Every structure is written in structure tokens, then in C-alpha cells.
Amino acid sequence: MTEEISSAVDDVSERATIVSEEIAEIAAENESQTEMVSDLTRQVEQIDRKLASVMNRSV
């Protein structure tokens, strides 16, 4: 009985480690995507300012 409990605890611990690693990978991907979105937002804001500048000159 003790061996079965010990084995079950080891299995759960191993699964928890795997899940934890997968969560870390997902978090890293999300961070990378967040950085990409921030970069794109900055680029859009730059384009918006340039467009406004051009529109003001042509008016």
C-alpha cells in the first residue's frame, strides 16, 4: 500500500512538473506576442503621425 501511494505521489509530481513547464512555455510565447503587438502599435502610431503631418501640409 505504501509503495502504491509513493508511486502515485511520484506520478502526480512528475505530471505537475510537466504542466508547470508547459505553462512556462505558454507564458514565454504570450510575452513574445505582447512585445510584437507593442512594436506594431508603436509603428501604427508613427504612421498615424506621419499621415497627419502629410494631411496638414496638403490642406
PDB file of N, CA and C in Angstrom:
ATOM      1  N   MET A   1       0.831  -1.207   0.000  1.00  0.00           N
ATOM      2  CA  MET A   1       0.000   0.000   0.000  1.00  0.00           C
ATOM      3  C   MET A   1       0.867   1.259   0.000  1.00  0.00           C
ATOM      4  N   THR A   2       1.916   1.256   0.827  1.00  0.00           N
ATOM      5  CA  THR A   2       2.799   2.417   0.907  1.00  0.00           C
ATOM      6  C   THR A   2       3.501   2.657  -0.420  1.00  0.00           C
ATOM      7  N   GLU A   3       3.891   1.553  -1.090  1.00  0.00           N
ATOM      8  CA  GLU A   3       4.550   1.691  -2.395  1.00  0.00           C
ATOM      9  C   GLU A   3       3.598   2.296  -3.419  1.00  0.00           C
ATOM     10  N   GLU A   4       2.342   1.885  -3.382  1.00  0.00           N
ATOM     11  CA  GLU A   4       1.350   2.414  -4.316  1.00  0.00           C
ATOM     12  C   GLU A   4       1.150   3.911  -4.102  1.00  0.00           C
ATOM     13  N   ILE A   5       1.073   4.314  -2.851  1.00  0.00           N
ATOM     14  CA  ILE A   5       0.905   5.740  -2.541  1.00  0.00           C
ATOM     15  C   ILE A   5       2.132   6.514  -2.990  1.00  0.00           C
ATOM     16  N   SER A   6       3.307   5.957  -2.709  1.00  0.00           N
ATOM     17  CA  SER A   6       4.556   6.614  -3.102  1.00  0.00           C
ATOM     18  C   SER A   6       4.637   6.742  -4.618  1.00  0.00           C
ATOM     19  N   SER A   7       4.242   5.687  -5.318  1.00  0.00           N
ATOM     20  CA  SER A   7       4.253   5.705  -6.779  1.00  0.00           C
ATOM     21  C   SER A   7       3.257   6.733  -7.317  1.00  0.00           C
ATOM     22  N   ALA A   8       2.078   6.792  -6.708  1.00  0.00           N
ATOM     23  CA  ALA A   8       1.063   7.760  -7.135  1.00  0.00           C
ATOM     24  C   ALA A   8       1.548   9.183  -6.903  1.00  0.00           C
ATOM     25  N   VAL A   9       2.190   9.412  -5.762  1.00  0.00           N
ATOM     26  CA  VAL A   9       2.725  10.745  -5.458  1.00  0.00           C
ATOM     27  C   VAL A   9       3.799  11.114  -6.474  1.00  0.00           C
ATOM     28  N   ASP A  10       4.667  10.162  -6.813  1.00  0.00           N
ATOM     29  CA  ASP A  10       5.708  10.416  -7.815  1.00  0.00           C
ATOM     30  C   ASP A  10       5.088  10.755  -9.170  1.00  0.00           C
ATOM     31  N   ASP A  11       4.035  10.013  -9.559  1.00  0.00           N
ATOM     32  CA  ASP A  11       3.353  10.277 -10.832  1.00  0.00           C
ATOM     33  C   ASP A  11       2.748  11.677 -10.857  1.00  0.00           C
ATOM     34  N   VAL A  12       2.075  12.029  -9.778  1.00  0.00           N
ATOM     35  CA  VAL A  12       1.452  13.352  -9.700  1.00  0.00           C
ATOM     36  C   VAL A  12       2.520  14.437  -9.742  1.00  0.00           C
ATOM     37  N   SER A  13       3.615  14.214  -9.043  1.00  0.00           N
ATOM     38  CA  SER A  13       4.707  15.189  -9.024  1.00  0.00           C
ATOM     39  C   SER A  13       5.301  15.359 -10.419  1.00  0.00           C
ATOM     40  N   GLU A  14       5.474  14.246 -11.123  1.00  0.00           N
ATOM     41  CA  GLU A  14       6.020  14.294 -12.481  1.00  0.00           C
ATOM     42  C   GLU A  14       5.069  15.039 -13.418  1.00  0.00           C
ATOM     43  N   ARG A  15       3.789  14.750 -13.312  1.00  0.00           N
ATOM     44  CA  ARG A  15       2.790  15.444 -14.145  1.00  0.00           C
ATOM     45  C   ARG A  15       2.746  16.933 -13.824  1.00  0.00           C
ATOM     46  N   ALA A  16       2.853  17.258 -12.545  1.00  0.00           N
ATOM     47  CA  ALA A  16       2.847  18.671 -12.147  1.00  0.00           C
ATOM     48  C   ALA A  16       4.050  19.399 -12.736  1.00  0.00           C
ATOM     49  N   THR A  17       5.198  18.731 -12.758  1.00  0.00           N
ATOM     50  CA  THR A  17       6.400  19.333 -13.346  1.00  0.00           C
ATOM     51  C   THR A  17       6.199  19.582 -14.835  1.00  0.00           C
ATOM     52  N   ILE A  18       5.619  18.605 -15.526  1.00  0.00           N
ATOM     53  CA  ILE A  18       5.371  18.751 -16.966  1.00  0.00           C
ATOM     54  C   ILE A  18       4.402  19.904 -17.225  1.00  0.00           C
ATOM     55  N   VAL A  19       3.322  19.964 -16.466  1.00  0.00           N
ATOM     56  CA  VAL A  19       2.339  21.042 -16.626  1.00  0.00           C
ATOM     57  C   VAL A  19       2.984  22.391 -16.343  1.00  0.00           C
ATOM     58  N   SER A  20       3.812  22.445 -15.317  1.00  0.00           N
ATOM     59  CA  SER A  20       4.497  23.690 -14.968  1.00  0.00           C
ATOM     60  C   SER A  20       5.403  24.151 -16.108  1.00  0.00           C
ATOM     61  N   GLU A  21       6.115  23.209 -16.727  1.00  0.00           N
ATOM     62  CA  GLU A  21       6.983  23.547 -17.862  1.00  0.00           C
ATOM     63  C   GLU A  21       6.155  24.042 -19.042  1.00  0.00           C
ATOM     64  N   GLU A  22       5.019  23.397 -19.287  1.00  0.00           N
ATOM     65  CA  GLU A  22       4.154  23.828 -20.386  1.00  0.00           C
ATOM     66  C   GLU A  22       3.593  25.225 -20.131  1.00  0.00           C
ATOM     67  N   ILE A  23       3.224  25.502 -18.899  1.00  0.00           N
ATOM     68  CA  ILE A  23       2.727  26.836 -18.546  1.00  0.00           C
ATOM     69  C   ILE A  23       3.818  27.877 -18.772  1.00  0.00           C
ATOM     70  N   ALA A  24       5.051  27.543 -18.406  1.00  0.00           N
ATOM     71  CA  ALA A  24       6.171  28.470 -18.610  1.00  0.00           C
ATOM     72  C   ALA A  24       6.379  28.748 -20.099  1.00  0.00           C
ATOM     73  N   GLU A  25       6.248  27.711 -20.931  1.00  0.00           N
ATOM     74  CA  GLU A  25       6.388  27.893 -22.381  1.00  0.00           C
ATOM     75  C   GLU A  25       5.290  28.809 -22.922  1.00  0.00           C
ATOM     76  N   ILE A  26       4.067  28.582 -22.484  1.00  0.00           N
ATOM     77  CA  ILE A  26       2.941  29.414 -22.935  1.00  0.00           C
ATOM     78  C   ILE A  26       3.137  30.857 -22.491  1.00  0.00           C
ATOM     79  N   ALA A  27       3.601  31.035 -21.266  1.00  0.00           N
ATOM     80  CA  ALA A  27       3.845  32.392 -20.756  1.00  0.00           C
ATOM     81  C   ALA A  27       4.912  33.090 -21.588  1.00  0.00           C
ATOM     82  N   ALA A  28       5.962  32.360 -21.964  1.00  0.00           N
ATOM     83  CA  ALA A  28       7.024  32.944 -22.787  1.00  0.00           C
ATOM     84  C   ALA A  28       6.481  33.333 -24.159  1.00  0.00           C
ATOM     85  N   GLU A  29       5.640  32.470 -24.741  1.00  0.00           N
ATOM     86  CA  GLU A  29       5.033  32.788 -26.036  1.00  0.00           C
ATOM     87  C   GLU A  29       4.143  34.021 -25.923  1.00  0.00           C
ATOM     88  N   ASN A  30       3.361  34.093 -24.861  1.00  0.00           N
ATOM     89  CA  ASN A  30       2.483  35.249 -24.660  1.00  0.00           C
ATOM     90  C   ASN A  30       3.287  36.526 -24.509  1.00  0.00           C
ATOM     91  N   GLU A  31       4.402  36.440 -23.772  1.00  0.00           N
ATOM     92  CA  GLU A  31       5.250  37.623 -23.588  1.00  0.00           C
ATOM     93  C   GLU A  31       5.807  38.079 -24.925  1.00  0.00           C
ATOM     94  N   SER A  32       6.246  37.117 -25.731  1.00  0.00           N
ATOM     95  CA  SER A  32       6.776  37.439 -27.051  1.00  0.00           C
ATOM     96  C   SER A  32       5.699  38.088 -27.921  1.00  0.00           C
ATOM     97  N   GLN A  33       4.491  37.543 -27.881  1.00  0.00           N
ATOM     98  CA  GLN A  33       3.400  38.107 -28.675  1.00  0.00           C
ATOM     99  C   GLN A  33       3.016  39.492 -28.179  1.00  0.00           C
ATOM    100  N   THR A  34       3.061  39.695 -26.878  1.00  0.00           N
ATOM    101  CA  THR A  34       2.761  41.010 -26.313  1.00  0.00           C
ATOM    102  C   THR A  34       3.779  42.034 -26.798  1.00  0.00           C
ATOM    103  N   GLU A  35       5.059  41.633 -26.834  1.00  0.00           N
ATOM    104  CA  GLU A  35       6.097  42.534 -27.332  1.00  0.00           C
ATOM    105  C   GLU A  35       5.867  42.858 -28.802  1.00  0.00           C
ATOM    106  N   MET A  36       5.469  41.842 -29.593  1.00  0.00           N
ATOM    107  CA  MET A  36       5.210  42.085 -31.012  1.00  0.00           C
ATOM    108  C   MET A  36       4.048  43.047 -31.190  1.00  0.00           C
ATOM    109  N   VAL A  37       2.991  42.877 -30.414  1.00  0.00           N
ATOM    110  CA  VAL A  37       1.833  43.770 -30.501  1.00  0.00           C
ATOM    111  C   VAL A  37       2.237  45.192 -30.115  1.00  0.00           C
ATOM    112  N   SER A  38       3.060  45.326 -29.085  1.00  0.00           N
ATOM    113  CA  SER A  38       3.526  46.656 -28.673  1.00  0.00           C
ATOM    114  C   SER A  38       4.336  47.310 -29.783  1.00  0.00           C
ATOM    115  N   ASP A  39       5.222  46.532 -30.413  1.00  0.00           N
ATOM    116  CA  ASP A  39       6.016  47.066 -31.523  1.00  0.00           C
ATOM    117  C   ASP A  39       5.114  47.511 -32.671  1.00  0.00           C
ATOM    118  N   LEU A  40       4.138  46.685 -33.008  1.00  0.00           N
ATOM    119  CA  LEU A  40       3.220  47.037 -34.092  1.00  0.00           C
ATOM    120  C   LEU A  40       2.397  48.270 -33.743  1.00  0.00           C
ATOM    121  N   THR A  41       1.989  48.375 -32.497  1.00  0.00           N
ATOM    122  CA  THR A  41       1.233  49.551 -32.056  1.00  0.00           C
ATOM    123  C   THR A  41       2.071  50.806 -32.214  1.00  0.00           C
ATOM    124  N   ARG A  42       3.336  50.733 -31.823  1.00  0.00           N
ATOM    125  CA  ARG A  42       4.232  51.893 -31.983  1.00  0.00           C
ATOM    126  C   ARG A  42       4.391  52.253 -33.456  1.00  0.00           C
ATOM    127  N   GLN A  43       4.515  51.238 -34.312  1.00  0.00           N
ATOM    128  CA  GLN A  43       4.655  51.504 -35.743  1.00  0.00           C
ATOM    129  C   GLN A  43       3.396  52.166 -36.302  1.00  0.00           C
ATOM    130  N   VAL A  44       2.238  51.687 -35.889  1.00  0.00           N
ATOM    131  CA  VAL A  44       0.976  52.279 -36.356  1.00  0.00           C
ATOM    132  C   VAL A  44       0.871  53.724 -35.883  1.00  0.00           C
ATOM    133  N   GLU A  45       1.268  53.976 -34.643  1.00  0.00           N
ATOM    134  CA  GLU A  45       1.228  55.346 -34.121  1.00  0.00           C
ATOM    135  C   GLU A  45       2.164  56.253 -34.918  1.00  0.00           C
ATOM    136  N   GLN A  46       3.339  55.732 -35.283  1.00  0.00           N
ATOM    137  CA  GLN A  46       4.282  56.508 -36.099  1.00  0.00           C
ATOM    138  C   GLN A  46       3.675  56.824 -37.459  1.00  0.00           C
ATOM    139  N   ILE A  47       3.095  55.816 -38.083  1.00  0.00           N
ATOM    140  CA  ILE A  47       2.472  56.007 -39.395  1.00  0.00           C
ATOM    141  C   ILE A  47       1.336  57.013 -39.286  1.00  0.00           C
ATOM    142  N   ASP A  48       0.564  56.911 -38.228  1.00  0.00           N
ATOM    143  CA  ASP A  48      -0.551  57.831 -37.997  1.00  0.00           C
ATOM    144  C   ASP A  48      -0.052  59.272 -37.896  1.00  0.00           C
ATOM    145  N   ARG A  49       1.031  59.474 -37.155  1.00  0.00           N
ATOM    146  CA  ARG A  49       1.591  60.831 -37.018  1.00  0.00           C
ATOM    147  C   ARG A  49       2.106  61.352 -38.359  1.00  0.00           C
ATOM    148  N   LYS A  50       2.779  60.486 -39.116  1.00  0.00           N
ATOM    149  CA  LYS A  50       3.292  60.907 -40.422  1.00  0.00           C
ATOM    150  C   LYS A  50       2.143  61.255 -41.361  1.00  0.00           C
ATOM    151  N   LEU A  51       1.105  60.434 -41.339  1.00  0.00           N
ATOM    152  CA  LEU A  51      -0.055  60.683 -42.190  1.00  0.00           C
ATOM    153  C   LEU A  51      -0.721  62.001 -41.815  1.00  0.00           C
ATOM    154  N   ALA A  52      -0.868  62.248 -40.530  1.00  0.00           N
ATOM    155  CA  ALA A  52      -1.465  63.508 -40.074  1.00  0.00           C
ATOM    156  C   ALA A  52      -0.612  64.685 -40.518  1.00  0.00           C
ATOM    157  N   SER A  53       0.698  64.526 -40.456  1.00  0.00           N
ATOM    158  CA  SER A  53       1.611  65.587 -40.874  1.00  0.00           C
ATOM    159  C   SER A  53       1.454  65.872 -42.367  1.00  0.00           C
ATOM    160  N   VAL A  54       1.380  64.824 -43.161  1.00  0.00           N
ATOM    161  CA  VAL A  54       1.212  64.981 -44.610  1.00  0.00           C
ATOM    162  C   VAL A  54      -0.142  65.611 -44.918  1.00  0.00           C
ATOM    163  N   MET A  55      -1.174  65.178 -44.221  1.00  0.00           N
ATOM    164  CA  MET A  55      -2.513  65.727 -44.449  1.00  0.00           C
ATOM    165  C   MET A  55      -2.551  67.214 -44.087  1.00  0.00           C
ATOM    166  N   ASN A  56      -1.878  67.602 -43.025  1.00  0.00           N
ATOM    167  CA  ASN A  56      -1.848  69.007 -42.619  1.00  0.00           C
ATOM    168  C   ASN A  56      -1.123  69.867 -43.645  1.00  0.00           C
ATOM    169  N   ARG A  57      -0.073  69.312 -44.255  1.00  0.00           N
ATOM    170  CA  ARG A  57       0.675  70.067 -45.266  1.00  0.00           C
ATOM    171  C   ARG A  57      -0.148  70.271 -46.525  1.00  0.00           C
ATOM    172  N   SER A  58      -0.946  69.264 -46.887  1.00  0.00           N
ATOM    173  CA  SER A  58      -1.685  69.351 -48.148  1.00  0.00           C
ATOM    174  C   SER A  58      -2.958  70.182 -48.019  1.00  0.00           C
ATOM    175  N   VAL A  59      -3.337  70.525 -46.814  1.00  0.00           N
ATOM    176  CA  VAL A  59      -4.573  71.302 -46.614  1.00  0.00           C
ATOM    177  C   VAL A  59      -4.347  72.761 -46.755  1.00  0.00           C
TER     178      VAL A  59
END
